[in-house]
Amino acid sequence: MFDFRSMFKLMKELDWKLIAVVICIFGFGLVILSSATHATTTGNYKQITTQGLAFLLGMGLIFVMLLFDYNFIGKYYKALYIVSIILLLLVWIPGIGKANAGARSWLHLGPLDFQTSELVKLTFILSYAKIVEEKKGKLKTIKDIVPLVVYAAPIILLLLVQPDLGTAIVFCCIIGGMLFTAGLNDKIIKRGLIAIVIAMPLMYMVMAPHQRIRIDAFLHPEDVTLP
């Protein structure tokens, strides 16, 4: 399943410059977070500590994943897909699922609140990568990408039902990026971008009030009347 010798060989081949850039960006993010939360003034470093621990945990998981052969993981792409669906459905179980900030996307496990979509990002990507790999270089027409869109649709719909529009958009970007790397036809990309631009006014109209406020605040940061 995994080979320590292969892992050490892979470690040597890692792009350490890229890893250094990621660490620097994270460090800069902590500085910004410290400023935004006034941690140095209040002495409350809880959010910074949480982010630091999450980063270390993420880096640890990355190195653990290096122990596994991705081809081995790919064999279980169907199981990973089913796990993704189950994780997004668990939040609707009374007593376990929890709503936070208007979205029922959390599990309440004793002292721990866990957002299942964060784990689904990993399980779904691993699953989706397998079927996209089989279509690599063959995404020339709309008909070619329909099966891939249908495969991803339940995940996006379950996120929208929560409702968690932000995470759904993140997943759409992930899916788009994976299709692009698989050789998605340039004409389809251009038509897709045009369709998104045309649909933006309609999308804005059907958004919830708090979602429109976020967009308004982004477009008009000088307007102090916006929350």
Protein backbone atom coordinates (compact mmCIF):
# COMPACT_ATOMS: atom_id res chain seq x y z
CA MET A 1 0.00 0.00 0.00
CA PHE A 2 2.84 2.37 0.81
CA ASP A 3 6.60 2.25 0.69
CA PHE A 4 8.80 4.32 3.00
CA ARG A 5 11.67 4.27 0.51
CA SER A 6 9.40 5.67 -2.17
CA MET A 7 8.25 8.32 0.28
CA PHE A 8 11.79 9.54 0.98
CA LYS A 9 12.48 9.60 -2.74
CA LEU A 10 9.35 11.64 -3.28
CA MET A 11 10.32 14.01 -0.47
CA LYS A 12 13.50 14.84 -2.37
CA GLU A 13 11.49 15.57 -5.49
CA LEU A 14 9.02 17.91 -3.76
CA ASP A 15 8.96 21.54 -4.85
CA TRP A 16 10.31 22.98 -1.60
CA LYS A 17 10.28 26.49 -3.01
CA LEU A 18 6.52 26.21 -3.48
CA ILE A 19 6.14 24.86 0.05
CA ALA A 20 8.19 27.80 1.35
CA VAL A 21 5.91 30.22 -0.49
CA VAL A 22 2.83 28.56 1.06
CA ILE A 23 4.36 28.85 4.53
CA CYS A 24 5.16 32.52 3.94
CA ILE A 25 1.61 33.21 2.76
CA PHE A 26 0.28 31.45 5.85
CA GLY A 27 2.55 33.51 8.08
CA PHE A 28 1.35 36.69 6.39
CA GLY A 29 -2.24 35.52 6.92
CA LEU A 30 -1.60 35.12 10.65
CA VAL A 31 -0.28 38.68 10.81
CA ILE A 32 -3.42 39.97 9.08
CA LEU A 33 -5.64 37.86 11.37
CA SER A 34 -3.80 39.19 14.41
CA SER A 35 -4.43 42.74 13.23
CA ALA A 36 -8.09 42.09 12.41
CA THR A 37 -8.82 40.48 15.81
CA HIS A 38 -6.65 42.98 17.78
CA ALA A 39 -4.98 39.99 19.42
CA THR A 40 -1.92 41.94 20.56
CA THR A 41 -4.19 44.43 22.35
CA THR A 42 -6.73 42.06 23.87
CA GLY A 43 -4.32 39.21 24.53
CA ASN A 44 -6.82 36.79 23.00
CA TYR A 45 -4.88 34.57 20.60
CA LYS A 46 -7.52 31.85 20.35
CA GLN A 47 -8.25 32.32 16.63
CA ILE A 48 -4.56 32.55 15.76
CA THR A 49 -3.79 29.42 17.76
CA THR A 50 -6.67 27.59 16.07
CA GLN A 51 -5.45 28.57 12.61
CA GLY A 52 -1.89 27.56 13.48
CA LEU A 53 -2.96 24.14 14.73
CA ALA A 54 -5.15 23.64 11.66
CA PHE A 55 -2.21 24.49 9.40
CA LEU A 56 0.09 22.06 11.20
CA LEU A 57 -2.58 19.38 11.03
CA GLY A 58 -3.03 20.00 7.31
CA MET A 59 0.71 19.81 6.66
CA GLY A 60 0.88 16.61 8.67
CA LEU A 61 -1.93 15.07 6.63
CA ILE A 62 -0.12 16.02 3.42
CA PHE A 63 2.98 14.13 4.48
CA VAL A 64 0.87 11.17 5.61
CA MET A 65 -0.75 11.11 2.17
CA LEU A 66 2.72 10.82 0.67
CA LEU A 67 2.90 7.36 2.23
CA PHE A 68 0.12 6.13 -0.02
CA ASP A 69 0.21 5.31 -3.68
CA TYR A 70 -2.43 7.46 -5.38
CA ASN A 71 -3.20 4.58 -7.73
CA PHE A 72 -4.18 2.50 -4.69
CA ILE A 73 -6.49 5.27 -3.45
CA GLY A 74 -7.99 5.63 -6.93
CA LYS A 75 -9.30 2.07 -6.78
CA TYR A 76 -11.76 3.17 -4.12
CA TYR A 77 -13.10 6.25 -5.89
CA LYS A 78 -16.70 4.96 -5.75
CA ALA A 79 -16.49 4.40 -2.00
CA LEU A 80 -15.02 7.88 -1.55
CA TYR A 81 -17.89 9.34 -3.55
CA ILE A 82 -20.46 7.55 -1.37
CA VAL A 83 -18.63 8.76 1.77
CA SER A 84 -18.84 12.33 0.41
CA ILE A 85 -22.62 12.04 0.00
CA ILE A 86 -23.07 10.50 3.45
CA LEU A 87 -21.00 13.23 5.12
CA LEU A 88 -23.18 15.93 3.56
CA LEU A 89 -26.35 14.10 4.62
CA LEU A 90 -25.25 13.56 8.23
CA VAL A 91 -25.77 17.24 9.03
CA TRP A 92 -29.55 16.70 8.73
CA ILE A 93 -29.68 14.10 11.52
CA PRO A 94 -31.38 15.69 14.58
CA GLY A 95 -29.09 15.94 17.58
CA ILE A 96 -25.94 15.60 15.48
CA GLY A 97 -26.34 18.15 12.72
CA LYS A 98 -25.95 21.78 13.72
CA ALA A 99 -26.76 25.06 12.00
CA ASN A 100 -24.19 27.82 12.21
CA ALA A 101 -24.32 31.24 10.54
CA GLY A 102 -27.50 30.23 8.75
CA ALA A 103 -26.09 27.03 7.19
CA ARG A 104 -26.77 23.52 8.45
CA SER A 105 -23.33 22.24 7.55
CA TRP A 106 -21.87 21.22 10.91
CA LEU A 107 -21.73 18.12 13.09
CA HIS A 108 -21.84 18.61 16.83
CA LEU A 109 -19.60 15.95 18.37
CA GLY A 110 -19.33 16.75 22.06
CA PRO A 111 -16.83 19.60 22.47
CA LEU A 112 -16.06 19.56 18.75
CA ASP A 113 -18.04 21.20 15.93
CA PHE A 114 -16.99 19.78 12.57
CA GLN A 115 -17.91 21.10 9.12
CA THR A 116 -18.29 18.00 6.97
CA SER A 117 -17.76 19.84 3.67
CA GLU A 118 -14.11 20.39 4.64
CA LEU A 119 -13.51 16.63 4.65
CA VAL A 120 -15.65 16.23 1.53
CA LYS A 121 -13.22 18.52 -0.29
CA LEU A 122 -10.63 15.76 0.10
CA THR A 123 -12.83 12.70 -0.51
CA PHE A 124 -14.61 14.24 -3.50
CA ILE A 125 -11.40 15.48 -5.17
CA LEU A 126 -9.83 12.03 -4.85
CA SER A 127 -12.97 10.45 -6.31
CA TYR A 128 -13.49 13.03 -9.06
CA ALA A 129 -9.85 12.88 -10.11
CA LYS A 130 -10.25 9.22 -11.01
CA ILE A 131 -13.11 9.71 -13.47
CA VAL A 132 -11.59 12.91 -14.86
CA GLU A 133 -8.37 10.99 -15.47
CA GLU A 134 -10.29 8.55 -17.66
CA LYS A 135 -11.63 11.47 -19.74
CA LYS A 136 -8.32 13.32 -20.06
CA GLY A 137 -7.85 14.66 -23.57
CA LYS A 138 -11.39 13.65 -24.56
CA LEU A 139 -13.35 16.70 -23.37
CA LYS A 140 -14.04 18.22 -26.76
CA THR A 141 -17.82 18.68 -26.71
CA ILE A 142 -20.60 19.45 -24.24
CA LYS A 143 -21.68 15.81 -24.55
CA ASP A 144 -18.26 14.74 -23.28
CA ILE A 145 -18.51 16.73 -20.04
CA VAL A 146 -22.16 15.92 -19.23
CA PRO A 147 -21.27 12.70 -17.30
CA LEU A 148 -18.70 14.63 -15.26
CA VAL A 149 -21.21 17.38 -14.47
CA VAL A 150 -23.85 14.84 -13.48
CA TYR A 151 -21.32 13.10 -11.22
CA ALA A 152 -20.60 16.35 -9.37
CA ALA A 153 -24.18 17.67 -9.31
CA PRO A 154 -25.37 15.84 -6.12
CA ILE A 155 -22.45 17.30 -4.15
CA ILE A 156 -23.20 20.86 -5.30
CA LEU A 157 -26.94 20.46 -4.70
CA LEU A 158 -26.43 19.15 -1.16
CA LEU A 159 -24.24 22.17 -0.39
CA LEU A 160 -26.83 24.57 -1.81
CA VAL A 161 -29.61 22.96 0.24
CA GLN A 162 -27.70 23.56 3.50
CA PRO A 163 -27.48 26.42 2.25
CA ASP A 164 -23.75 27.09 1.87
CA LEU A 165 -23.30 29.08 -1.33
CA GLY A 166 -19.69 29.99 -0.57
CA THR A 167 -18.54 26.38 -0.27
CA ALA A 168 -20.60 25.42 -3.32
CA ILE A 169 -18.77 28.08 -5.34
CA VAL A 170 -15.43 26.74 -4.05
CA PHE A 171 -16.38 23.25 -5.24
CA CYS A 172 -17.42 24.63 -8.64
CA CYS A 173 -14.00 26.30 -8.96
CA ILE A 174 -12.28 23.04 -7.97
CA ILE A 175 -14.30 21.12 -10.54
CA GLY A 176 -13.59 23.73 -13.21
CA GLY A 177 -9.87 23.60 -12.46
CA MET A 178 -9.78 19.82 -12.69
CA LEU A 179 -11.66 19.84 -16.00
CA PHE A 180 -9.27 22.50 -17.32
CA THR A 181 -6.21 20.39 -16.44
CA ALA A 182 -7.89 17.42 -18.14
CA GLY A 183 -7.82 19.32 -21.44
CA LEU A 184 -11.26 20.93 -21.59
CA ASN A 185 -11.85 22.42 -25.04
CA ASP A 186 -11.13 26.17 -25.24
CA LYS A 187 -14.46 26.88 -26.96
CA ILE A 188 -16.38 25.28 -24.09
CA ILE A 189 -14.41 27.37 -21.57
CA LYS A 190 -15.17 30.61 -23.44
CA ARG A 191 -18.87 29.78 -23.78
CA GLY A 192 -19.04 28.82 -20.12
CA LEU A 193 -17.48 32.11 -19.01
CA ILE A 194 -19.85 34.08 -21.24
CA ALA A 195 -22.84 32.17 -19.81
CA ILE A 196 -21.69 32.91 -16.24
CA VAL A 197 -21.31 36.64 -16.96
CA ILE A 198 -24.76 36.79 -18.56
CA ALA A 199 -26.33 34.87 -15.67
CA MET A 200 -24.76 37.03 -12.93
CA PRO A 201 -27.62 39.59 -12.71
CA LEU A 202 -30.18 36.80 -12.39
CA MET A 203 -28.06 35.00 -9.81
CA TYR A 204 -27.81 38.21 -7.78
CA MET A 205 -31.61 38.63 -7.83
CA VAL A 206 -32.30 35.14 -6.44
CA MET A 207 -29.64 35.32 -3.72
CA ALA A 208 -30.56 35.59 -0.05
CA PRO A 209 -30.35 39.11 1.46
CA HIS A 210 -27.19 38.36 3.45
CA GLN A 211 -25.49 37.04 0.30
CA ARG A 212 -26.32 40.22 -1.63
CA ILE A 213 -24.99 42.31 1.25
CA ARG A 214 -21.63 40.55 1.02
CA ILE A 215 -21.39 41.33 -2.69
CA ASP A 216 -22.46 44.93 -2.14
CA ALA A 217 -19.86 45.34 0.61
CA PHE A 218 -17.17 43.96 -1.70
CA LEU A 219 -18.13 46.26 -4.58
CA HIS A 220 -18.61 49.31 -2.35
CA PRO A 221 -16.15 49.05 0.56
CA GLU A 222 -16.42 52.78 1.15
CA ASP A 223 -20.12 52.49 2.10
CA VAL A 224 -20.10 52.42 5.91
CA THR A 225 -23.87 51.75 6.02
CA LEU A 226 -23.35 48.20 4.81
CA PRO A 227 -22.92 45.57 7.57
